[in-house]
Amino acid sequence: MGVSGGLDSALSCHLAARALGPENVLAVRLPYKSSSQDSLEHAQMVIDTLGVQKRDHLHNGMVQPYLDRFPDMGQLRRGNMMARARMIVLYDQSEVFDGLVVGTGNKTEILLGYTPCSAMPPML
């Protein structure tokens, strides 16, 4: 599961660790060059507190070449690109870990297909 340092991912990680055991949870931090140091530290506190397994994946190399190709790309497109790059990493690492992706998302993200729950029909 992706752990960002935010409340949603912290709660999801806690619930997964409690339900599955911390040894069966892989927390993946996915910083981008513009990520705040505070969010990385908060994610690390969650990981340390729960004792779950951890991997870091800096996804600049995946995203930046595409963003450079379209310099006037707006924030919505940039956010969409970064969200999908994170999902590529999470689904790939879930295969390596022999697990399933766990995540959170709000209704807007579900409608746009950002979340691990994107196979679900949109809830209106």
PDB file of N, CA and C in Angstrom:
ATOM      1  N   MET A   1       0.831  -1.171   0.000  1.00  0.00           N
ATOM      2  CA  MET A   1       0.000   0.000   0.000  1.00  0.00           C
ATOM      3  C   MET A   1       0.871   1.227   0.000  1.00  0.00           C
ATOM      4  N   GLY A   2       0.390   2.259  -0.673  1.00  0.00           N
ATOM      5  CA  GLY A   2       1.095   3.521  -0.668  1.00  0.00           C
ATOM      6  C   GLY A   2       0.847   4.237   0.646  1.00  0.00           C
ATOM      7  N   VAL A   3       1.922   4.730   1.254  1.00  0.00           N
ATOM      8  CA  VAL A   3       1.802   5.484   2.501  1.00  0.00           C
ATOM      9  C   VAL A   3       2.378   6.873   2.246  1.00  0.00           C
ATOM     10  N   SER A   4       1.505   7.877   2.325  1.00  0.00           N
ATOM     11  CA  SER A   4       1.883   9.241   1.956  1.00  0.00           C
ATOM     12  C   SER A   4       2.218  10.121   3.143  1.00  0.00           C
ATOM     13  N   GLY A   5       1.815   9.708   4.328  1.00  0.00           N
ATOM     14  CA  GLY A   5       1.959  10.568   5.486  1.00  0.00           C
ATOM     15  C   GLY A   5       0.657  11.258   5.846  1.00  0.00           C
ATOM     16  N   GLY A   6      -0.355  11.078   5.024  1.00  0.00           N
ATOM     17  CA  GLY A   6      -1.665  11.658   5.291  1.00  0.00           C
ATOM     18  C   GLY A   6      -2.522  10.758   6.161  1.00  0.00           C
ATOM     19  N   LEU A   7      -3.637  11.292   6.599  1.00  0.00           N
ATOM     20  CA  LEU A   7      -4.535  10.574   7.499  1.00  0.00           C
ATOM     21  C   LEU A   7      -5.107   9.304   6.857  1.00  0.00           C
ATOM     22  N   ASP A   8      -5.545   9.397   5.595  1.00  0.00           N
ATOM     23  CA  ASP A   8      -6.163   8.240   4.943  1.00  0.00           C
ATOM     24  C   ASP A   8      -5.205   7.058   4.864  1.00  0.00           C
ATOM     25  N   SER A   9      -3.994   7.304   4.394  1.00  0.00           N
ATOM     26  CA  SER A   9      -3.062   6.182   4.249  1.00  0.00           C
ATOM     27  C   SER A   9      -2.587   5.686   5.612  1.00  0.00           C
ATOM     28  N   ALA A  10      -2.470   6.580   6.603  1.00  0.00           N
ATOM     29  CA  ALA A  10      -2.073   6.160   7.950  1.00  0.00           C
ATOM     30  C   ALA A  10      -3.124   5.227   8.546  1.00  0.00           C
ATOM     31  N   LEU A  11      -4.384   5.599   8.407  1.00  0.00           N
ATOM     32  CA  LEU A  11      -5.466   4.762   8.934  1.00  0.00           C
ATOM     33  C   LEU A  11      -5.533   3.437   8.185  1.00  0.00           C
ATOM     34  N   SER A  12      -5.427   3.478   6.869  1.00  0.00           N
ATOM     35  CA  SER A  12      -5.465   2.240   6.082  1.00  0.00           C
ATOM     36  C   SER A  12      -4.319   1.310   6.459  1.00  0.00           C
ATOM     37  N   CYS A  13      -3.140   1.870   6.651  1.00  0.00           N
ATOM     38  CA  CYS A  13      -1.980   1.062   7.030  1.00  0.00           C
ATOM     39  C   CYS A  13      -2.192   0.448   8.411  1.00  0.00           C
ATOM     40  N   HIS A  14      -2.732   1.235   9.324  1.00  0.00           N
ATOM     41  CA  HIS A  14      -3.009   0.725  10.668  1.00  0.00           C
ATOM     42  C   HIS A  14      -4.001  -0.432  10.614  1.00  0.00           C
ATOM     43  N   LEU A  15      -5.087  -0.245   9.870  1.00  0.00           N
ATOM     44  CA  LEU A  15      -6.107  -1.300   9.768  1.00  0.00           C
ATOM     45  C   LEU A  15      -5.540  -2.549   9.105  1.00  0.00           C
ATOM     46  N   ALA A  16      -4.750  -2.375   8.052  1.00  0.00           N
ATOM     47  CA  ALA A  16      -4.149  -3.527   7.367  1.00  0.00           C
ATOM     48  C   ALA A  16      -3.196  -4.266   8.303  1.00  0.00           C
ATOM     49  N   ALA A  17      -2.368  -3.523   9.040  1.00  0.00           N
ATOM     50  CA  ALA A  17      -1.428  -4.160   9.968  1.00  0.00           C
ATOM     51  C   ALA A  17      -2.167  -4.905  11.068  1.00  0.00           C
ATOM     52  N   ARG A  18      -3.238  -4.322  11.538  1.00  0.00           N
ATOM     53  CA  ARG A  18      -4.018  -4.976  12.595  1.00  0.00           C
ATOM     54  C   ARG A  18      -4.716  -6.238  12.078  1.00  0.00           C
ATOM     55  N   ALA A  19      -5.260  -6.141  10.872  1.00  0.00           N
ATOM     56  CA  ALA A  19      -6.013  -7.273  10.317  1.00  0.00           C
ATOM     57  C   ALA A  19      -5.102  -8.395   9.813  1.00  0.00           C
ATOM     58  N   LEU A  20      -3.985  -8.026   9.215  1.00  0.00           N
ATOM     59  CA  LEU A  20      -3.143  -9.011   8.535  1.00  0.00           C
ATOM     60  C   LEU A  20      -1.848  -9.331   9.266  1.00  0.00           C
ATOM     61  N   GLY A  21      -1.494  -8.500  10.229  1.00  0.00           N
ATOM     62  CA  GLY A  21      -0.205  -8.604  10.890  1.00  0.00           C
ATOM     63  C   GLY A  21       0.802  -7.741  10.159  1.00  0.00           C
ATOM     64  N   PRO A  22       1.630  -7.004  10.898  1.00  0.00           N
ATOM     65  CA  PRO A  22       2.556  -6.065  10.258  1.00  0.00           C
ATOM     66  C   PRO A  22       3.534  -6.730   9.299  1.00  0.00           C
ATOM     67  N   GLU A  23       3.874  -7.966   9.556  1.00  0.00           N
ATOM     68  CA  GLU A  23       4.803  -8.676   8.663  1.00  0.00           C
ATOM     69  C   GLU A  23       4.201  -8.941   7.290  1.00  0.00           C
ATOM     70  N   ASN A  24       2.898  -8.822   7.182  1.00  0.00           N
ATOM     71  CA  ASN A  24       2.197  -9.077   5.921  1.00  0.00           C
ATOM     72  C   ASN A  24       1.771  -7.799   5.206  1.00  0.00           C
ATOM     73  N   VAL A  25       2.282  -6.672   5.649  1.00  0.00           N
ATOM     74  CA  VAL A  25       1.932  -5.386   5.040  1.00  0.00           C
ATOM     75  C   VAL A  25       3.213  -4.731   4.519  1.00  0.00           C
ATOM     76  N   LEU A  26       3.161  -4.310   3.271  1.00  0.00           N
ATOM     77  CA  LEU A  26       4.265  -3.582   2.662  1.00  0.00           C
ATOM     78  C   LEU A  26       3.818  -2.139   2.438  1.00  0.00           C
ATOM     79  N   ALA A  27       4.481  -1.214   3.112  1.00  0.00           N
ATOM     80  CA  ALA A  27       4.206   0.217   2.937  1.00  0.00           C
ATOM     81  C   ALA A  27       5.205   0.760   1.930  1.00  0.00           C
ATOM     82  N   VAL A  28       4.684   1.380   0.880  1.00  0.00           N
ATOM     83  CA  VAL A  28       5.542   1.940  -0.164  1.00  0.00           C
ATOM     84  C   VAL A  28       5.418   3.457  -0.112  1.00  0.00           C
ATOM     85  N   ARG A  29       6.549   4.113   0.138  1.00  0.00           N
ATOM     86  CA  ARG A  29       6.582   5.573   0.054  1.00  0.00           C
ATOM     87  C   ARG A  29       6.971   5.924  -1.374  1.00  0.00           C
ATOM     88  N   LEU A  30       6.234   6.855  -1.969  1.00  0.00           N
ATOM     89  CA  LEU A  30       6.410   7.213  -3.375  1.00  0.00           C
ATOM     90  C   LEU A  30       6.694   8.701  -3.528  1.00  0.00           C
ATOM     91  N   PRO A  31       7.822   9.160  -3.028  1.00  0.00           N
ATOM     92  CA  PRO A  31       8.088  10.597  -3.117  1.00  0.00           C
ATOM     93  C   PRO A  31       8.374  11.037  -4.545  1.00  0.00           C
ATOM     94  N   TYR A  32       8.014  12.263  -4.811  1.00  0.00           N
ATOM     95  CA  TYR A  32       8.359  12.947  -6.051  1.00  0.00           C
ATOM     96  C   TYR A  32       9.266  14.095  -5.642  1.00  0.00           C
ATOM     97  N   LYS A  33      10.002  14.659  -6.557  1.00  0.00           N
ATOM     98  CA  LYS A  33      10.972  15.689  -6.194  1.00  0.00           C
ATOM     99  C   LYS A  33      10.345  16.875  -5.475  1.00  0.00           C
ATOM    100  N   SER A  34       9.055  17.090  -5.676  1.00  0.00           N
ATOM    101  CA  SER A  34       8.387  18.203  -5.002  1.00  0.00           C
ATOM    102  C   SER A  34       7.654  17.770  -3.732  1.00  0.00           C
ATOM    103  N   SER A  35       7.788  16.511  -3.327  1.00  0.00           N
ATOM    104  CA  SER A  35       7.121  16.037  -2.107  1.00  0.00           C
ATOM    105  C   SER A  35       7.676  16.766  -0.890  1.00  0.00           C
ATOM    106  N   SER A  36       6.811  17.033   0.056  1.00  0.00           N
ATOM    107  CA  SER A  36       7.267  17.712   1.270  1.00  0.00           C
ATOM    108  C   SER A  36       8.004  16.727   2.168  1.00  0.00           C
ATOM    109  N   GLN A  37       9.042  17.229   2.807  1.00  0.00           N
ATOM    110  CA  GLN A  37       9.808  16.401   3.741  1.00  0.00           C
ATOM    111  C   GLN A  37       8.921  15.967   4.904  1.00  0.00           C
ATOM    112  N   ASP A  38       7.985  16.835   5.323  1.00  0.00           N
ATOM    113  CA  ASP A  38       7.078  16.490   6.412  1.00  0.00           C
ATOM    114  C   ASP A  38       6.251  15.259   6.086  1.00  0.00           C
ATOM    115  N   SER A  39       5.738  15.177   4.847  1.00  0.00           N
ATOM    116  CA  SER A  39       4.911  14.017   4.498  1.00  0.00           C
ATOM    117  C   SER A  39       5.738  12.734   4.518  1.00  0.00           C
ATOM    118  N   LEU A  40       6.972  12.805   4.064  1.00  0.00           N
ATOM    119  CA  LEU A  40       7.843  11.625   4.110  1.00  0.00           C
ATOM    120  C   LEU A  40       8.124  11.212   5.555  1.00  0.00           C
ATOM    121  N   GLU A  41       8.361  12.195   6.407  1.00  0.00           N
ATOM    122  CA  GLU A  41       8.613  11.891   7.819  1.00  0.00           C
ATOM    123  C   GLU A  41       7.371  11.325   8.498  1.00  0.00           C
ATOM    124  N   HIS A  42       6.208  11.859   8.174  1.00  0.00           N
ATOM    125  CA  HIS A  42       4.969  11.330   8.761  1.00  0.00           C
ATOM    126  C   HIS A  42       4.721   9.899   8.306  1.00  0.00           C
ATOM    127  N   ALA A  43       4.964   9.634   7.029  1.00  0.00           N
ATOM    128  CA  ALA A  43       4.814   8.264   6.528  1.00  0.00           C
ATOM    129  C   ALA A  43       5.781   7.338   7.260  1.00  0.00           C
ATOM    130  N   GLN A  44       7.013   7.792   7.467  1.00  0.00           N
ATOM    131  CA  GLN A  44       8.001   6.968   8.168  1.00  0.00           C
ATOM    132  C   GLN A  44       7.577   6.702   9.612  1.00  0.00           C
ATOM    133  N   MET A  45       6.955   7.698  10.268  1.00  0.00           N
ATOM    134  CA  MET A  45       6.471   7.486  11.637  1.00  0.00           C
ATOM    135  C   MET A  45       5.409   6.395  11.677  1.00  0.00           C
ATOM    136  N   VAL A  46       4.521   6.381  10.687  1.00  0.00           N
ATOM    137  CA  VAL A  46       3.497   5.339  10.614  1.00  0.00           C
ATOM    138  C   VAL A  46       4.171   3.968  10.451  1.00  0.00           C
ATOM    139  N   ILE A  47       5.104   3.894   9.550  1.00  0.00           N
ATOM    140  CA  ILE A  47       5.818   2.639   9.274  1.00  0.00           C
ATOM    141  C   ILE A  47       6.545   2.150  10.524  1.00  0.00           C
ATOM    142  N   ASP A  48       7.262   3.056  11.181  1.00  0.00           N
ATOM    143  CA  ASP A  48       8.016   2.688  12.385  1.00  0.00           C
ATOM    144  C   ASP A  48       7.094   2.275  13.527  1.00  0.00           C
ATOM    145  N   THR A  49       6.003   3.006  13.704  1.00  0.00           N
ATOM    146  CA  THR A  49       5.065   2.707  14.791  1.00  0.00           C
ATOM    147  C   THR A  49       4.418   1.341  14.612  1.00  0.00           C
ATOM    148  N   LEU A  50       4.054   1.022  13.381  1.00  0.00           N
ATOM    149  CA  LEU A  50       3.336  -0.229  13.120  1.00  0.00           C
ATOM    150  C   LEU A  50       4.265  -1.413  12.891  1.00  0.00           C
ATOM    151  N   GLY A  51       5.511  -1.154  12.519  1.00  0.00           N
ATOM    152  CA  GLY A  51       6.453  -2.248  12.260  1.00  0.00           C
ATOM    153  C   GLY A  51       6.187  -2.990  10.966  1.00  0.00           C
ATOM    154  N   VAL A  52       5.566  -2.319  10.005  1.00  0.00           N
ATOM    155  CA  VAL A  52       5.302  -2.953   8.709  1.00  0.00           C
ATOM    156  C   VAL A  52       6.566  -2.904   7.853  1.00  0.00           C
ATOM    157  N   GLN A  53       6.581  -3.697   6.820  1.00  0.00           N
ATOM    158  CA  GLN A  53       7.690  -3.674   5.871  1.00  0.00           C
ATOM    159  C   GLN A  53       7.601  -2.401   5.030  1.00  0.00           C
ATOM    160  N   LYS A  54       8.750  -1.975   4.481  1.00  0.00           N
ATOM    161  CA  LYS A  54       8.775  -0.700   3.767  1.00  0.00           C
ATOM    162  C   LYS A  54       9.654  -0.775   2.524  1.00  0.00           C
ATOM    163  N   ARG A  55       9.220  -0.067   1.502  1.00  0.00           N
ATOM    164  CA  ARG A  55      10.042   0.213   0.321  1.00  0.00           C
ATOM    165  C   ARG A  55       9.815   1.660  -0.068  1.00  0.00           C
ATOM    166  N   ASP A  56      10.862   2.289  -0.559  1.00  0.00           N
ATOM    167  CA  ASP A  56      10.757   3.633  -1.115  1.00  0.00           C
ATOM    168  C   ASP A  56      10.969   3.540  -2.617  1.00  0.00           C
ATOM    169  N   HIS A  57      10.182   4.295  -3.347  1.00  0.00           N
ATOM    170  CA  HIS A  57      10.364   4.334  -4.799  1.00  0.00           C
ATOM    171  C   HIS A  57      10.217   5.774  -5.258  1.00  0.00           C
ATOM    172  N   LEU A  58      11.319   6.386  -5.623  1.00  0.00           N
ATOM    173  CA  LEU A  58      11.308   7.738  -6.173  1.00  0.00           C
ATOM    174  C   LEU A  58      10.899   7.617  -7.641  1.00  0.00           C
ATOM    175  N   HIS A  59       9.744   8.135  -7.992  1.00  0.00           N
ATOM    176  CA  HIS A  59       9.235   7.915  -9.350  1.00  0.00           C
ATOM    177  C   HIS A  59       9.461   9.101 -10.285  1.00  0.00           C
ATOM    178  N   ASN A  60      10.440   9.963  -9.972  1.00  0.00           N
ATOM    179  CA  ASN A  60      10.783  11.058 -10.881  1.00  0.00           C
ATOM    180  C   ASN A  60      11.118  10.545 -12.272  1.00  0.00           C
ATOM    181  N   GLY A  61      11.912   9.477 -12.344  1.00  0.00           N
ATOM    182  CA  GLY A  61      12.369   8.948 -13.631  1.00  0.00           C
ATOM    183  C   GLY A  61      11.244   8.456 -14.516  1.00  0.00           C
ATOM    184  N   MET A  62      10.142   8.031 -13.914  1.00  0.00           N
ATOM    185  CA  MET A  62       8.987   7.584 -14.686  1.00  0.00           C
ATOM    186  C   MET A  62       8.186   8.768 -15.204  1.00  0.00           C
ATOM    187  N   VAL A  63       8.039   9.768 -14.368  1.00  0.00           N
ATOM    188  CA  VAL A  63       7.103  10.855 -14.627  1.00  0.00           C
ATOM    189  C   VAL A  63       7.738  12.019 -15.381  1.00  0.00           C
ATOM    190  N   GLN A  64       8.935  12.388 -14.981  1.00  0.00           N
ATOM    191  CA  GLN A  64       9.529  13.625 -15.486  1.00  0.00           C
ATOM    192  C   GLN A  64       9.683  13.687 -17.006  1.00  0.00           C
ATOM    193  N   PRO A  65      10.124  12.608 -17.660  1.00  0.00           N
ATOM    194  CA  PRO A  65      10.248  12.699 -19.122  1.00  0.00           C
ATOM    195  C   PRO A  65       8.917  13.038 -19.813  1.00  0.00           C
ATOM    196  N   TYR A  66       7.831  12.491 -19.308  1.00  0.00           N
ATOM    197  CA  TYR A  66       6.530  12.783 -19.899  1.00  0.00           C
ATOM    198  C   TYR A  66       6.124  14.233 -19.610  1.00  0.00           C
ATOM    199  N   LEU A  67       6.330  14.683 -18.374  1.00  0.00           N
ATOM    200  CA  LEU A  67       5.990  16.064 -18.029  1.00  0.00           C
ATOM    201  C   LEU A  67       6.825  17.047 -18.842  1.00  0.00           C
ATOM    202  N   ASP A  68       8.099  16.714 -19.070  1.00  0.00           N
ATOM    203  CA  ASP A  68       8.973  17.590 -19.860  1.00  0.00           C
ATOM    204  C   ASP A  68       8.497  17.703 -21.308  1.00  0.00           C
ATOM    205  N   ARG A  69       7.871  16.662 -21.796  1.00  0.00           N
ATOM    206  CA  ARG A  69       7.393  16.649 -23.177  1.00  0.00           C
ATOM    207  C   ARG A  69       6.241  17.633 -23.392  1.00  0.00           C
ATOM    208  N   PHE A  70       5.506  17.923 -22.313  1.00  0.00           N
ATOM    209  CA  PHE A  70       4.355  18.820 -22.387  1.00  0.00           C
ATOM    210  C   PHE A  70       4.512  19.927 -21.340  1.00  0.00           C
ATOM    211  N   PRO A  71       5.369  20.917 -21.603  1.00  0.00           N
ATOM    212  CA  PRO A  71       5.672  21.927 -20.589  1.00  0.00           C
ATOM    213  C   PRO A  71       4.481  22.775 -20.149  1.00  0.00           C
ATOM    214  N   ASP A  72       3.447  22.941 -20.994  1.00  0.00           N
ATOM    215  CA  ASP A  72       2.291  23.733 -20.554  1.00  0.00           C
ATOM    216  C   ASP A  72       1.182  22.869 -19.967  1.00  0.00           C
ATOM    217  N   MET A  73       1.507  21.655 -19.565  1.00  0.00           N
ATOM    218  CA  MET A  73       0.529  20.759 -18.964  1.00  0.00           C
ATOM    219  C   MET A  73      -0.023  21.386 -17.678  1.00  0.00           C
ATOM    220  N   GLY A  74      -1.337  21.389 -17.554  1.00  0.00           N
ATOM    221  CA  GLY A  74      -1.980  21.935 -16.363  1.00  0.00           C
ATOM    222  C   GLY A  74      -1.880  20.991 -15.171  1.00  0.00           C
ATOM    223  N   GLN A  75      -2.291  21.512 -14.032  1.00  0.00           N
ATOM    224  CA  GLN A  75      -2.193  20.749 -12.777  1.00  0.00           C
ATOM    225  C   GLN A  75      -3.035  19.472 -12.813  1.00  0.00           C
ATOM    226  N   LEU A  76      -4.213  19.509 -13.414  1.00  0.00           N
ATOM    227  CA  LEU A  76      -5.058  18.317 -13.476  1.00  0.00           C
ATOM    228  C   LEU A  76      -4.349  17.195 -14.230  1.00  0.00           C
ATOM    229  N   ARG A  77      -3.782  17.512 -15.379  1.00  0.00           N
ATOM    230  CA  ARG A  77      -3.064  16.494 -16.157  1.00  0.00           C
ATOM    231  C   ARG A  77      -1.834  16.006 -15.413  1.00  0.00           C
ATOM    232  N   ARG A  78      -1.108  16.919 -14.779  1.00  0.00           N
ATOM    233  CA  ARG A  78       0.088  16.530 -14.012  1.00  0.00           C
ATOM    234  C   ARG A  78      -0.304  15.588 -12.870  1.00  0.00           C
ATOM    235  N   GLY A  79      -1.361  15.958 -12.155  1.00  0.00           N
ATOM    236  CA  GLY A  79      -1.835  15.117 -11.050  1.00  0.00           C
ATOM    237  C   GLY A  79      -2.272  13.751 -11.529  1.00  0.00           C
ATOM    238  N   ASN A  80      -2.952  13.717 -12.662  1.00  0.00           N
ATOM    239  CA  ASN A  80      -3.397  12.451 -13.238  1.00  0.00           C
ATOM    240  C   ASN A  80      -2.195  11.577 -13.590  1.00  0.00           C
ATOM    241  N   MET A  81      -1.193  12.166 -14.224  1.00  0.00           N
ATOM    242  CA  MET A  81       0.007  11.422 -14.606  1.00  0.00           C
ATOM    243  C   MET A  81       0.710  10.854 -13.378  1.00  0.00           C
ATOM    244  N   MET A  82       0.876  11.671 -12.352  1.00  0.00           N
ATOM    245  CA  MET A  82       1.574  11.217 -11.148  1.00  0.00           C
ATOM    246  C   MET A  82       0.783  10.147 -10.409  1.00  0.00           C
ATOM    247  N   ALA A  83      -0.536  10.314 -10.335  1.00  0.00           N
ATOM    248  CA  ALA A  83      -1.366   9.315  -9.662  1.00  0.00           C
ATOM    249  C   ALA A  83      -1.276   7.965 -10.375  1.00  0.00           C
ATOM    250  N   ARG A  84      -1.300   7.988 -11.691  1.00  0.00           N
ATOM    251  CA  ARG A  84      -1.225   6.725 -12.440  1.00  0.00           C
ATOM    252  C   ARG A  84       0.161   6.095 -12.335  1.00  0.00           C
ATOM    253  N   ALA A  85       1.202   6.910 -12.284  1.00  0.00           N
ATOM    254  CA  ALA A  85       2.556   6.377 -12.091  1.00  0.00           C
ATOM    255  C   ALA A  85       2.666   5.695 -10.729  1.00  0.00           C
ATOM    256  N   ARG A  86       2.064   6.311  -9.708  1.00  0.00           N
ATOM    257  CA  ARG A  86       2.075   5.677  -8.377  1.00  0.00           C
ATOM    258  C   ARG A  86       1.349   4.336  -8.413  1.00  0.00           C
ATOM    259  N   MET A  87       0.235   4.283  -9.125  1.00  0.00           N
ATOM    260  CA  MET A  87      -0.507   3.013  -9.202  1.00  0.00           C
ATOM    261  C   MET A  87       0.304   1.943  -9.930  1.00  0.00           C
ATOM    262  N   ILE A  88       1.036   2.328 -10.978  1.00  0.00           N
ATOM    263  CA  ILE A  88       1.901   1.363 -11.673  1.00  0.00           C
ATOM    264  C   ILE A  88       2.883   0.760 -10.685  1.00  0.00           C
ATOM    265  N   VAL A  89       3.518   1.613  -9.892  1.00  0.00           N
ATOM    266  CA  VAL A  89       4.495   1.130  -8.913  1.00  0.00           C
ATOM    267  C   VAL A  89       3.820   0.234  -7.882  1.00  0.00           C
ATOM    268  N   LEU A  90       2.679   0.669  -7.344  1.00  0.00           N
ATOM    269  CA  LEU A  90       2.015  -0.125  -6.307  1.00  0.00           C
ATOM    270  C   LEU A  90       1.581  -1.494  -6.823  1.00  0.00           C
ATOM    271  N   TYR A  91       1.005  -1.530  -8.009  1.00  0.00           N
ATOM    272  CA  TYR A  91       0.581  -2.831  -8.551  1.00  0.00           C
ATOM    273  C   TYR A  91       1.777  -3.713  -8.875  1.00  0.00           C
ATOM    274  N   ASP A  92       2.859  -3.128  -9.366  1.00  0.00           N
ATOM    275  CA  ASP A  92       4.065  -3.906  -9.627  1.00  0.00           C
ATOM    276  C   ASP A  92       4.644  -4.457  -8.331  1.00  0.00           C
ATOM    277  N   GLN A  93       4.756  -3.613  -7.315  1.00  0.00           N
ATOM    278  CA  GLN A  93       5.328  -4.068  -6.051  1.00  0.00           C
ATOM    279  C   GLN A  93       4.423  -5.065  -5.338  1.00  0.00           C
ATOM    280  N   SER A  94       3.122  -4.976  -5.554  1.00  0.00           N
ATOM    281  CA  SER A  94       2.227  -5.972  -4.958  1.00  0.00           C
ATOM    282  C   SER A  94       2.497  -7.347  -5.557  1.00  0.00           C
ATOM    283  N   GLU A  95       2.853  -7.387  -6.830  1.00  0.00           N
ATOM    284  CA  GLU A  95       3.200  -8.672  -7.463  1.00  0.00           C
ATOM    285  C   GLU A  95       4.507  -9.216  -6.883  1.00  0.00           C
ATOM    286  N   VAL A  96       5.497  -8.338  -6.711  1.00  0.00           N
ATOM    287  CA  VAL A  96       6.776  -8.752  -6.121  1.00  0.00           C
ATOM    288  C   VAL A  96       6.559  -9.263  -4.701  1.00  0.00           C
ATOM    289  N   PHE A  97       5.688  -8.591  -3.950  1.00  0.00           N
ATOM    290  CA  PHE A  97       5.398  -8.914  -2.552  1.00  0.00           C
ATOM    291  C   PHE A  97       4.420 -10.080  -2.433  1.00  0.00           C
ATOM    292  N   ASP A  98       3.827 -10.478  -3.547  1.00  0.00           N
ATOM    293  CA  ASP A  98       2.795 -11.516  -3.570  1.00  0.00           C
ATOM    294  C   ASP A  98       1.592 -11.093  -2.722  1.00  0.00           C
ATOM    295  N   GLY A  99       1.152  -9.859  -2.957  1.00  0.00           N
ATOM    296  CA  GLY A  99       0.053  -9.312  -2.179  1.00  0.00           C
ATOM    297  C   GLY A  99      -0.973  -8.627  -3.040  1.00  0.00           C
ATOM    298  N   LEU A 100      -1.847  -7.912  -2.393  1.00  0.00           N
ATOM    299  CA  LEU A 100      -2.889  -7.131  -3.049  1.00  0.00           C
ATOM    300  C   LEU A 100      -2.698  -5.671  -2.688  1.00  0.00           C
ATOM    301  N   VAL A 101      -3.079  -4.781  -3.579  1.00  0.00           N
ATOM    302  CA  VAL A 101      -2.984  -3.345  -3.305  1.00  0.00           C
ATOM    303  C   VAL A 101      -4.136  -2.936  -2.401  1.00  0.00           C
ATOM    304  N   VAL A 102      -3.798  -2.183  -1.367  1.00  0.00           N
ATOM    305  CA  VAL A 102      -4.782  -1.613  -0.456  1.00  0.00           C
ATOM    306  C   VAL A 102      -4.643  -0.108  -0.565  1.00  0.00           C
ATOM    307  N   GLY A 103      -5.749   0.587  -0.591  1.00  0.00           N
ATOM    308  CA  GLY A 103      -5.645   2.032  -0.676  1.00  0.00           C
ATOM    309  C   GLY A 103      -6.944   2.711  -0.352  1.00  0.00           C
ATOM    310  N   THR A 104      -6.898   4.012  -0.424  1.00  0.00           N
ATOM    311  CA  THR A 104      -8.068   4.835  -0.150  1.00  0.00           C
ATOM    312  C   THR A 104      -8.297   5.756  -1.339  1.00  0.00           C
ATOM    313  N   GLY A 105      -9.438   6.328  -1.383  1.00  0.00           N
ATOM    314  CA  GLY A 105      -9.721   7.309  -2.408  1.00  0.00           C
ATOM    315  C   GLY A 105     -11.048   7.966  -2.112  1.00  0.00           C
ATOM    316  N   ASN A 106     -11.202   9.183  -2.593  1.00  0.00           N
ATOM    317  CA  ASN A 106     -12.483   9.845  -2.423  1.00  0.00           C
ATOM    318  C   ASN A 106     -13.306   9.679  -3.699  1.00  0.00           C
ATOM    319  N   LYS A 107     -14.513  10.169  -3.687  1.00  0.00           N
ATOM    320  CA  LYS A 107     -15.406   9.957  -4.834  1.00  0.00           C
ATOM    321  C   LYS A 107     -14.843  10.556  -6.119  1.00  0.00           C
ATOM    322  N   THR A 108     -14.218  11.714  -6.028  1.00  0.00           N
ATOM    323  CA  THR A 108     -13.640  12.333  -7.219  1.00  0.00           C
ATOM    324  C   THR A 108     -12.547  11.443  -7.790  1.00  0.00           C
ATOM    325  N   GLU A 109     -11.680  10.925  -6.922  1.00  0.00           N
ATOM    326  CA  GLU A 109     -10.610  10.052  -7.396  1.00  0.00           C
ATOM    327  C   GLU A 109     -11.168   8.778  -8.021  1.00  0.00           C
ATOM    328  N   ILE A 110     -12.194   8.228  -7.446  1.00  0.00           N
ATOM    329  CA  ILE A 110     -12.804   7.020  -8.006  1.00  0.00           C
ATOM    330  C   ILE A 110     -13.382   7.327  -9.393  1.00  0.00           C
ATOM    331  N   LEU A 111     -14.071   8.456  -9.528  1.00  0.00           N
ATOM    332  CA  LEU A 111     -14.642   8.826 -10.820  1.00  0.00           C
ATOM    333  C   LEU A 111     -13.571   9.017 -11.883  1.00  0.00           C
ATOM    334  N   LEU A 112     -12.395   9.528 -11.473  1.00  0.00           N
ATOM    335  CA  LEU A 112     -11.296   9.745 -12.413  1.00  0.00           C
ATOM    336  C   LEU A 112     -10.406   8.522 -12.572  1.00  0.00           C
ATOM    337  N   GLY A 113     -10.646   7.476 -11.770  1.00  0.00           N
ATOM    338  CA  GLY A 113      -9.870   6.251 -11.896  1.00  0.00           C
ATOM    339  C   GLY A 113      -8.516   6.305 -11.225  1.00  0.00           C
ATOM    340  N   TYR A 114      -8.349   7.137 -10.188  1.00  0.00           N
ATOM    341  CA  TYR A 114      -7.054   7.281  -9.521  1.00  0.00           C
ATOM    342  C   TYR A 114      -6.757   6.184  -8.497  1.00  0.00           C
ATOM    343  N   THR A 115      -7.747   5.546  -7.967  1.00  0.00           N
ATOM    344  CA  THR A 115      -7.549   4.731  -6.763  1.00  0.00           C
ATOM    345  C   THR A 115      -7.420   3.252  -7.086  1.00  0.00           C
ATOM    346  N   PRO A 116      -6.890   2.480  -6.133  1.00  0.00           N
ATOM    347  CA  PRO A 116      -6.858   1.035  -6.317  1.00  0.00           C
ATOM    348  C   PRO A 116      -8.262   0.454  -6.452  1.00  0.00           C
ATOM    349  N   CYS A 117      -9.267   1.218  -6.071  1.00  0.00           N
ATOM    350  CA  CYS A 117     -10.649   0.759  -6.166  1.00  0.00           C
ATOM    351  C   CYS A 117     -11.264   1.132  -7.505  1.00  0.00           C
ATOM    352  N   SER A 118     -10.452   1.526  -8.493  1.00  0.00           N
ATOM    353  CA  SER A 118     -11.002   2.079  -9.719  1.00  0.00           C
ATOM    354  C   SER A 118     -11.785   1.065 -10.553  1.00  0.00           C
ATOM    355  N   ALA A 119     -11.651  -0.219 -10.226  1.00  0.00           N
ATOM    356  CA  ALA A 119     -12.449  -1.211 -10.946  1.00  0.00           C
ATOM    357  C   ALA A 119     -13.887  -1.204 -10.464  1.00  0.00           C
ATOM    358  N   MET A 120     -14.131  -0.572  -9.335  1.00  0.00           N
ATOM    359  CA  MET A 120     -15.486  -0.479  -8.799  1.00  0.00           C
ATOM    360  C   MET A 120     -16.268   0.564  -9.576  1.00  0.00           C
ATOM    361  N   PRO A 121     -17.552   0.387  -9.709  1.00  0.00           N
ATOM    362  CA  PRO A 121     -18.347   1.431 -10.368  1.00  0.00           C
ATOM    363  C   PRO A 121     -18.348   2.689  -9.519  1.00  0.00           C
ATOM    364  N   PRO A 122     -18.382   3.855 -10.135  1.00  0.00           N
ATOM    365  CA  PRO A 122     -18.399   5.101  -9.375  1.00  0.00           C
ATOM    366  C   PRO A 122     -19.601   5.168  -8.453  1.00  0.00           C
ATOM    367  N   MET A 123     -19.385   5.676  -7.261  1.00  0.00           N
ATOM    368  CA  MET A 123     -20.471   5.866  -6.299  1.00  0.00           C
ATOM    369  C   MET A 123     -20.875   7.326  -6.353  1.00  0.00           C
ATOM    370  N   LEU A 124     -22.096   7.588  -6.691  1.00  0.00           N
ATOM    371  CA  LEU A 124     -22.584   8.977  -6.792  1.00  0.00           C
ATOM    372  C   LEU A 124     -23.426   9.345  -5.608  1.00  0.00           C
TER     373      LEU A 124
END
